[in-house]
Structure formats: C-alpha cells, structure tokens
PDB file of N, CA and C in Angstrom:
ATOM      1  N   MET A   1      31.556 -59.606  29.175  1.00  0.00           N
ATOM      2  CA  MET A   1      32.862 -60.623  29.162  1.00  0.00           C
ATOM      3  C   MET A   1      32.529 -62.029  29.642  1.00  0.00           C
ATOM      4  N   SER A   2      33.186 -62.838  28.963  1.00  0.00           N
ATOM      5  CA  SER A   2      32.800 -63.953  28.994  1.00  0.00           C
ATOM      6  C   SER A   2      33.585 -64.865  30.327  1.00  0.00           C
ATOM      7  N   LYS A   3      33.190 -66.145  30.622  1.00  0.00           N
ATOM      8  CA  LYS A   3      33.765 -66.721  31.641  1.00  0.00           C
ATOM      9  C   LYS A   3      35.183 -66.840  31.475  1.00  0.00           C
ATOM     10  N   THR A   4      35.628 -67.260  30.096  1.00  0.00           N
ATOM     11  CA  THR A   4      37.174 -67.592  30.032  1.00  0.00           C
ATOM     12  C   THR A   4      38.003 -66.239  30.067  1.00  0.00           C
ATOM     13  N   ASP A   5      37.374 -65.174  29.721  1.00  0.00           N
ATOM     14  CA  ASP A   5      38.143 -63.754  30.037  1.00  0.00           C
ATOM     15  C   ASP A   5      38.526 -63.266  31.340  1.00  0.00           C
ATOM     16  N   VAL A   6      37.329 -63.768  32.160  1.00  0.00           N
ATOM     17  CA  VAL A   6      37.514 -63.488  33.448  1.00  0.00           C
ATOM     18  C   VAL A   6      38.606 -64.491  34.002  1.00  0.00           C
ATOM     19  N   GLN A   7      38.330 -65.553  33.470  1.00  0.00           N
ATOM     20  CA  GLN A   7      39.397 -66.510  34.279  1.00  0.00           C
ATOM     21  C   GLN A   7      40.947 -66.216  33.668  1.00  0.00           C
ATOM     22  N   LYS A   8      41.030 -65.846  32.481  1.00  0.00           N
ATOM     23  CA  LYS A   8      42.285 -65.379  31.918  1.00  0.00           C
ATOM     24  C   LYS A   8      42.888 -64.020  32.909  1.00  0.00           C
ATOM     25  N   GLU A   9      41.948 -63.209  33.189  1.00  0.00           N
ATOM     26  CA  GLU A   9      42.366 -62.170  33.815  1.00  0.00           C
ATOM     27  C   GLU A   9      42.658 -62.496  35.312  1.00  0.00           C
ATOM     28  N   LEU A  10      42.145 -63.365  35.874  1.00  0.00           N
ATOM     29  CA  LEU A  10      42.481 -63.870  37.337  1.00  0.00           C
ATOM     30  C   LEU A  10      43.705 -64.617  37.267  1.00  0.00           C
ATOM     31  N   GLU A  11      44.090 -65.269  36.294  1.00  0.00           N
ATOM     32  CA  GLU A  11      45.262 -66.056  36.114  1.00  0.00           C
ATOM     33  C   GLU A  11      46.545 -65.091  36.127  1.00  0.00           C
ATOM     34  N   LYS A  12      46.419 -64.009  35.255  1.00  0.00           N
ATOM     35  CA  LYS A  12      47.420 -62.880  35.023  1.00  0.00           C
ATOM     36  C   LYS A  12      47.676 -62.089  36.214  1.00  0.00           C
ATOM     37  N   ALA A  13      46.564 -61.834  37.060  1.00  0.00           N
ATOM     38  CA  ALA A  13      46.781 -61.206  38.237  1.00  0.00           C
ATOM     39  C   ALA A  13      47.639 -61.813  39.519  1.00  0.00           C
ATOM     40  N   HIS A  14      48.559 -60.896  39.895  1.00  0.00           N
ATOM     41  CA  HIS A  14      49.362 -61.517  40.757  1.00  0.00           C
ATOM     42  C   HIS A  14      48.742 -61.273  42.397  1.00  0.00           C
ATOM     43  N   ALA A  15      49.156 -62.106  43.440  1.00  0.00           N
ATOM     44  CA  ALA A  15      48.764 -61.809  44.587  1.00  0.00           C
ATOM     45  C   ALA A  15      49.705 -60.441  45.231  1.00  0.00           C
ATOM     46  N   GLU A  16      48.786 -59.843  45.864  1.00  0.00           N
ATOM     47  CA  GLU A  16      49.344 -58.578  46.653  1.00  0.00           C
ATOM     48  C   GLU A  16      49.352 -58.955  48.077  1.00  0.00           C
ATOM     49  N   PRO A  17      50.321 -58.699  48.893  1.00  0.00           N
ATOM     50  CA  PRO A  17      50.339 -58.809  50.276  1.00  0.00           C
ATOM     51  C   PRO A  17      49.325 -57.719  51.019  1.00  0.00           C
ATOM     52  N   LEU A  18      49.128 -58.480  51.995  1.00  0.00           N
ATOM     53  CA  LEU A  18      48.240 -57.739  52.927  1.00  0.00           C
ATOM     54  C   LEU A  18      49.004 -56.370  53.498  1.00  0.00           C
ATOM     55  N   LEU A  19      48.286 -55.248  53.514  1.00  0.00           N
ATOM     56  CA  LEU A  19      49.087 -53.913  54.127  1.00  0.00           C
ATOM     57  C   LEU A  19      48.775 -54.041  55.787  1.00  0.00           C
ATOM     58  N   PRO A  20      49.941 -53.650  56.391  1.00  0.00           N
ATOM     59  CA  PRO A  20      49.782 -53.479  57.889  1.00  0.00           C
ATOM     60  C   PRO A  20      48.447 -53.231  58.230  1.00  0.00           C
ATOM     61  N   ILE A  21      47.731 -52.232  57.974  1.00  0.00           N
ATOM     62  CA  ILE A  21      46.655 -51.763  58.637  1.00  0.00           C
ATOM     63  C   ILE A  21      45.546 -52.972  58.232  1.00  0.00           C
ATOM     64  N   GLU A  22      45.539 -53.594  57.281  1.00  0.00           N
ATOM     65  CA  GLU A  22      44.573 -54.554  56.830  1.00  0.00           C
ATOM     66  C   GLU A  22      44.789 -55.817  58.086  1.00  0.00           C
ATOM     67  N   LYS A  23      46.110 -56.015  58.169  1.00  0.00           N
ATOM     68  CA  LYS A  23      46.353 -57.004  59.020  1.00  0.00           C
ATOM     69  C   LYS A  23      45.814 -56.651  60.631  1.00  0.00           C
ATOM     70  N   HIS A  24      45.956 -55.467  60.791  1.00  0.00           N
ATOM     71  CA  HIS A  24      45.374 -54.825  62.089  1.00  0.00           C
ATOM     72  C   HIS A  24      44.147 -54.967  62.072  1.00  0.00           C
ATOM     73  N   LEU A  25      43.439 -54.696  61.194  1.00  0.00           N
ATOM     74  CA  LEU A  25      41.853 -54.793  61.198  1.00  0.00           C
ATOM     75  C   LEU A  25      41.413 -56.354  61.047  1.00  0.00           C
ATOM     76  N   ILE A  26      41.910 -57.206  60.662  1.00  0.00           N
ATOM     77  CA  ILE A  26      41.656 -58.505  60.610  1.00  0.00           C
ATOM     78  C   ILE A  26      41.745 -59.081  62.028  1.00  0.00           C
ATOM     79  N   GLY A  27      42.756 -58.614  62.807  1.00  0.00           N
ATOM     80  CA  GLY A  27      43.207 -59.077  64.069  1.00  0.00           C
ATOM     81  C   GLY A  27      42.175 -58.512  64.887  1.00  0.00           C
ATOM     82  N   TRP A  28      41.786 -57.170  64.767  1.00  0.00           N
ATOM     83  CA  TRP A  28      40.789 -56.661  65.935  1.00  0.00           C
ATOM     84  C   TRP A  28      39.400 -57.350  65.544  1.00  0.00           C
ATOM     85  N   SER A  29      39.112 -57.573  64.414  1.00  0.00           N
ATOM     86  CA  SER A  29      37.766 -58.292  64.056  1.00  0.00           C
ATOM     87  C   SER A  29      37.737 -59.501  64.471  1.00  0.00           C
ATOM     88  N   LEU A  30      38.768 -60.342  64.221  1.00  0.00           N
ATOM     89  CA  LEU A  30      38.732 -61.649  64.969  1.00  0.00           C
ATOM     90  C   LEU A  30      38.698 -61.614  66.548  1.00  0.00           C
ATOM     91  N   GLY A  31      39.411 -60.689  67.106  1.00  0.00           N
ATOM     92  CA  GLY A  31      39.349 -60.563  68.473  1.00  0.00           C
ATOM     93  C   GLY A  31      38.074 -60.159  69.142  1.00  0.00           C
ATOM     94  N   ILE A  32      37.339 -59.332  68.488  1.00  0.00           N
ATOM     95  CA  ILE A  32      36.185 -58.901  68.959  1.00  0.00           C
ATOM     96  C   ILE A  32      35.007 -59.844  68.679  1.00  0.00           C
ATOM     97  N   GLY A  33      35.098 -60.645  67.507  1.00  0.00           N
ATOM     98  CA  GLY A  33      34.260 -61.605  67.346  1.00  0.00           C
ATOM     99  C   GLY A  33      34.566 -62.866  68.296  1.00  0.00           C
ATOM    100  N   ILE A  34      35.557 -63.101  68.555  1.00  0.00           N
ATOM    101  CA  ILE A  34      35.978 -64.402  69.454  1.00  0.00           C
ATOM    102  C   ILE A  34      35.276 -63.823  71.021  1.00  0.00           C
ATOM    103  N   THR A  35      35.556 -62.805  71.461  1.00  0.00           N
ATOM    104  CA  THR A  35      35.194 -62.302  72.515  1.00  0.00           C
ATOM    105  C   THR A  35      33.873 -62.213  72.905  1.00  0.00           C
ATOM    106  N   LEU A  36      32.957 -61.584  71.928  1.00  0.00           N
ATOM    107  CA  LEU A  36      31.639 -61.700  71.990  1.00  0.00           C
ATOM    108  C   LEU A  36      31.011 -62.868  71.950  1.00  0.00           C
ATOM    109  N   LEU A  37      31.836 -63.803  71.223  1.00  0.00           N
ATOM    110  CA  LEU A  37      31.361 -65.360  71.118  1.00  0.00           C
ATOM    111  C   LEU A  37      31.397 -66.033  72.765  1.00  0.00           C
ATOM    112  N   VAL A  38      32.527 -65.642  73.300  1.00  0.00           N
ATOM    113  CA  VAL A  38      32.729 -66.307  74.520  1.00  0.00           C
ATOM    114  C   VAL A  38      31.599 -65.523  75.675  1.00  0.00           C
ATOM    115  N   ILE A  39      31.684 -64.172  75.523  1.00  0.00           N
ATOM    116  CA  ILE A  39      30.502 -63.518  76.543  1.00  0.00           C
ATOM    117  C   ILE A  39      29.083 -64.370  76.127  1.00  0.00           C
ATOM    118  N   LEU A  40      28.911 -64.353  74.843  1.00  0.00           N
ATOM    119  CA  LEU A  40      27.415 -65.052  74.793  1.00  0.00           C
ATOM    120  C   LEU A  40      27.269 -66.492  75.313  1.00  0.00           C
ATOM    121  N   ALA A  41      28.591 -67.272  75.214  1.00  0.00           N
ATOM    122  CA  ALA A  41      28.432 -68.518  75.883  1.00  0.00           C
ATOM    123  C   ALA A  41      28.319 -68.393  77.207  1.00  0.00           C
ATOM    124  N   LEU A  42      29.015 -67.789  77.967  1.00  0.00           N
ATOM    125  CA  LEU A  42      28.878 -67.445  79.278  1.00  0.00           C
ATOM    126  C   LEU A  42      27.853 -66.959  79.787  1.00  0.00           C
ATOM    127  N   PHE A  43      27.093 -66.006  79.171  1.00  0.00           N
ATOM    128  CA  PHE A  43      25.546 -65.473  79.328  1.00  0.00           C
ATOM    129  C   PHE A  43      24.555 -66.681  79.181  1.00  0.00           C
ATOM    130  N   ASN A  44      24.700 -67.415  78.253  1.00  0.00           N
ATOM    131  CA  ASN A  44      23.912 -68.676  78.133  1.00  0.00           C
ATOM    132  C   ASN A  44      23.934 -69.630  79.012  1.00  0.00           C
ATOM    133  N   HIS A  45      25.288 -69.821  79.638  1.00  0.00           N
ATOM    134  CA  HIS A  45      25.608 -70.888  80.580  1.00  0.00           C
ATOM    135  C   HIS A  45      24.852 -70.448  82.225  1.00  0.00           C
ATOM    136  N   LEU A  46      25.091 -68.968  82.368  1.00  0.00           N
ATOM    137  CA  LEU A  46      24.739 -68.484  83.597  1.00  0.00           C
ATOM    138  C   LEU A  46      23.135 -68.330  83.633  1.00  0.00           C
ATOM    139  N   PHE A  47      22.621 -67.838  82.155  1.00  0.00           N
ATOM    140  CA  PHE A  47      21.244 -67.633  82.364  1.00  0.00           C
ATOM    141  C   PHE A  47      20.391 -68.564  81.305  1.00  0.00           C
ATOM    142  N   PRO A  48      20.602 -69.881  81.647  1.00  0.00           N
ATOM    143  CA  PRO A  48      19.851 -70.742  80.566  1.00  0.00           C
ATOM    144  C   PRO A  48      18.282 -70.356  80.291  1.00  0.00           C
ATOM    145  N   VAL A  49      17.639 -70.713  79.089  1.00  0.00           N
ATOM    146  CA  VAL A  49      16.320 -70.452  78.669  1.00  0.00           C
ATOM    147  C   VAL A  49      15.492 -71.578  79.543  1.00  0.00           C
ATOM    148  N   ALA A  50      14.665 -71.276  80.088  1.00  0.00           N
ATOM    149  CA  ALA A  50      13.842 -72.239  80.752  1.00  0.00           C
ATOM    150  C   ALA A  50      12.694 -72.908  79.782  1.00  0.00           C
ATOM    151  N   GLY A  51      12.447 -74.148  79.932  1.00  0.00           N
ATOM    152  CA  GLY A  51      11.472 -74.873  79.318  1.00  0.00           C
ATOM    153  C   GLY A  51      11.857 -75.082  77.660  1.00  0.00           C
ATOM    154  N   ALA A  52      13.098 -75.194  77.668  1.00  0.00           N
ATOM    155  CA  ALA A  52      13.738 -75.399  76.220  1.00  0.00           C
ATOM    156  C   ALA A  52      14.198 -77.265  76.199  1.00  0.00           C
TER     157      ALA A  52
END
C-alpha cells in the first residue's frame, strides 16, 4: 500500500467519539501518573541524594 493510499484512507475515516469506559481509563491513568509523580517529588525532597 503506497503512502497516497494510506493518506486517502485516513482522510475518508471519520472521527469516532471516545466510549465512556475509554474516558474512565484515561482519567484513571492520568490520576495515577500524577499521583505517583507527586509522591516521587516528595520522596526526593525529603530524602535527597547525598553528594550530587
């Protein structure tokens, strides 16, 4: 399949809305990621690496 064929197919494809479960999973993933990032930042602040 050539590049122009793929481009034509992508242009013909219509955007589909996210399902409620997909929105739920995205929300949970972002929430867990941000929470873990905050925990890591706090841990790094409380226990800094010596000699760095």
